[in-house]
Amino acid sequence: MQKKQTDDIISSFLAIGRQMRQRCEIDQTLRQEVTIAQLEALRYIGEQKKVTMKEVGSFLSIAAPSATVLIDRLVRLDLVLRDQDSASRRSVVVQLTKKGKDILRKALLTRRIKLEALLDNLNQKDRETLFQLLEKMIHIN
């Protein structure tokens, strides 16, 4: 691939990222409570139901101390509960609280509505092509 084409693709990815952040941003009151990284942690915890701190860090591609700081803030906000893992006392597991589930549900709904408005600019064939290309890129080793 030519250098210019690679640079153009990188620029396009960055532009799409900016546009997604602007259009799919969670509402102002929610944004004051949680960051995008914390929201992604909530989403992961919600999908898995109960996860270790190490799994959260691995999912977010952050070091264990950073995961601990992130989870500590979510605990202070009463969005997650931290507990000893019954299978291994050295391990700590986290799960969503009712408030955490409510905030996650609201944030995902807001994000979905805003993303659908953005995707409305594409016809069905373009949407399918976009999805197929994104899936390919996600699964490249």
Protein backbone atom coordinates (compact mmCIF):
# COMPACT_ATOMS: atom_id res chain seq x y z
CA MET A 1 0.00 0.00 0.00
CA GLN A 2 1.29 3.42 -0.84
CA LYS A 3 2.40 5.71 1.96
CA LYS A 4 -0.12 8.42 0.98
CA GLN A 5 -2.98 5.93 0.92
CA THR A 6 -1.98 4.65 4.38
CA ASP A 7 -1.78 8.23 5.67
CA ASP A 8 -5.21 8.99 4.17
CA ILE A 9 -6.72 5.91 5.86
CA ILE A 10 -5.20 6.93 9.21
CA SER A 11 -6.58 10.46 8.79
CA SER A 12 -10.01 9.02 7.95
CA PHE A 13 -9.99 6.80 11.05
CA LEU A 14 -9.07 9.78 13.23
CA ALA A 15 -11.79 11.93 11.62
CA ILE A 16 -14.36 9.16 12.14
CA GLY A 17 -13.27 8.86 15.77
CA ARG A 18 -13.74 12.60 16.33
CA GLN A 19 -17.13 12.54 14.64
CA MET A 20 -18.26 9.50 16.66
CA ARG A 21 -17.17 11.17 19.90
CA GLN A 22 -19.06 14.35 19.01
CA ARG A 23 -22.23 12.72 17.70
CA CYS A 24 -22.39 9.76 20.07
CA GLU A 25 -21.32 11.58 23.20
CA ILE A 26 -23.36 10.71 26.23
CA ASP A 27 -25.43 13.53 27.63
CA GLN A 28 -23.84 16.30 29.72
CA THR A 29 -25.12 15.16 33.14
CA LEU A 30 -23.97 11.59 32.57
CA ARG A 31 -20.61 12.76 31.17
CA GLN A 32 -19.93 14.57 34.45
CA GLU A 33 -20.23 11.22 36.22
CA VAL A 34 -18.38 8.79 33.95
CA THR A 35 -15.68 8.96 31.32
CA ILE A 36 -15.77 7.02 28.06
CA ALA A 37 -13.26 4.49 29.49
CA GLN A 38 -15.40 4.05 32.59
CA LEU A 39 -18.49 3.59 30.42
CA GLU A 40 -16.69 0.92 28.41
CA ALA A 41 -15.71 -0.78 31.68
CA LEU A 42 -19.35 -0.67 32.80
CA ARG A 43 -20.43 -2.15 29.47
CA TYR A 44 -17.89 -4.97 29.75
CA ILE A 45 -18.80 -5.71 33.37
CA GLY A 46 -22.49 -5.65 32.47
CA GLU A 47 -21.99 -8.11 29.61
CA GLN A 48 -19.88 -10.48 31.71
CA LYS A 49 -21.94 -10.03 34.93
CA LYS A 50 -18.97 -10.62 37.25
CA VAL A 51 -15.34 -10.04 36.27
CA THR A 52 -11.95 -9.74 37.89
CA MET A 53 -10.02 -6.49 38.00
CA LYS A 54 -7.41 -8.14 35.78
CA GLU A 55 -10.07 -8.93 33.14
CA VAL A 56 -11.29 -5.32 33.14
CA GLY A 57 -7.72 -4.07 32.67
CA SER A 58 -7.09 -6.58 29.90
CA PHE A 59 -10.32 -5.63 28.11
CA LEU A 60 -9.45 -1.92 28.24
CA SER A 61 -5.77 -2.60 27.43
CA ILE A 62 -4.60 -0.79 30.56
CA ALA A 63 -2.21 -1.78 33.33
CA ALA A 64 -3.52 -3.26 36.58
CA PRO A 65 -2.87 -0.08 38.62
CA SER A 66 -4.85 1.98 36.08
CA ALA A 67 -7.70 -0.53 36.19
CA THR A 68 -7.69 -0.26 39.99
CA VAL A 69 -7.97 3.54 39.83
CA LEU A 70 -10.79 3.30 37.30
CA ILE A 71 -12.71 0.72 39.37
CA ASP A 72 -12.11 2.69 42.59
CA ARG A 73 -13.87 5.68 41.02
CA LEU A 74 -16.76 3.52 39.85
CA VAL A 75 -17.07 2.11 43.38
CA ARG A 76 -17.12 5.66 44.85
CA LEU A 77 -19.85 6.58 42.36
CA ASP A 78 -21.81 3.49 43.50
CA LEU A 79 -21.78 2.05 39.97
CA VAL A 80 -19.94 -1.19 40.78
CA LEU A 81 -19.43 -3.44 43.77
CA ARG A 82 -16.05 -4.91 44.54
CA ASP A 83 -15.83 -8.26 46.33
CA GLN A 84 -13.46 -11.14 46.99
CA ASP A 85 -13.66 -13.90 44.40
CA SER A 86 -15.12 -16.98 46.11
CA ALA A 87 -12.93 -19.23 43.94
CA SER A 88 -9.68 -17.39 44.73
CA ARG A 89 -9.32 -15.15 47.76
CA ARG A 90 -6.45 -13.28 46.12
CA SER A 91 -8.71 -12.20 43.26
CA VAL A 92 -11.16 -9.30 43.36
CA VAL A 93 -14.35 -9.39 41.28
CA VAL A 94 -16.56 -6.49 40.32
CA GLN A 95 -20.19 -6.34 39.27
CA LEU A 96 -22.67 -3.60 38.45
CA THR A 97 -24.92 -2.05 41.06
CA LYS A 98 -28.51 -1.10 40.22
CA LYS A 99 -27.33 2.49 39.68
CA GLY A 100 -24.54 1.20 37.41
CA LYS A 101 -27.04 -0.81 35.36
CA ASP A 102 -29.34 2.23 35.06
CA ILE A 103 -26.54 4.56 33.94
CA LEU A 104 -25.23 1.99 31.48
CA ARG A 105 -28.69 1.43 30.00
CA LYS A 106 -29.26 5.18 29.61
CA ALA A 107 -25.81 5.80 28.09
CA LEU A 108 -26.11 2.92 25.60
CA LEU A 109 -29.58 4.05 24.53
CA THR A 110 -28.35 7.62 23.97
CA ARG A 111 -25.32 6.39 22.04
CA ARG A 112 -27.45 4.03 19.91
CA ILE A 113 -29.94 6.78 18.99
CA LYS A 114 -27.16 9.17 17.99
CA LEU A 115 -25.27 6.52 16.02
CA GLU A 116 -28.44 5.49 14.17
CA ALA A 117 -28.94 9.12 13.14
CA LEU A 118 -25.40 9.13 11.73
CA LEU A 119 -25.89 5.82 9.93
CA ASP A 120 -29.16 7.03 8.41
CA ASN A 121 -26.93 8.84 5.90
CA LEU A 122 -25.88 5.45 4.48
CA ASN A 123 -28.05 3.12 2.42
CA GLN A 124 -28.46 -0.51 3.54
CA LYS A 125 -25.79 -1.83 1.16
CA ASP A 126 -23.26 0.74 2.41
CA ARG A 127 -24.09 -0.15 6.02
CA GLU A 128 -23.50 -3.84 5.33
CA THR A 129 -20.22 -3.09 3.55
CA LEU A 130 -19.09 -0.86 6.41
CA PHE A 131 -19.90 -3.56 8.95
CA GLN A 132 -18.08 -6.24 6.94
CA LEU A 133 -14.97 -4.08 6.58
CA LEU A 134 -14.95 -3.15 10.27
CA GLU A 135 -15.34 -6.82 11.24
CA LYS A 136 -12.40 -7.76 8.99
CA MET A 137 -10.22 -5.06 10.55
CA ILE A 138 -11.18 -6.04 14.10
CA HIS A 139 -10.20 -9.66 13.51
CA ILE A 140 -6.89 -9.08 11.73
CA ASN A 141 -4.05 -10.63 13.74
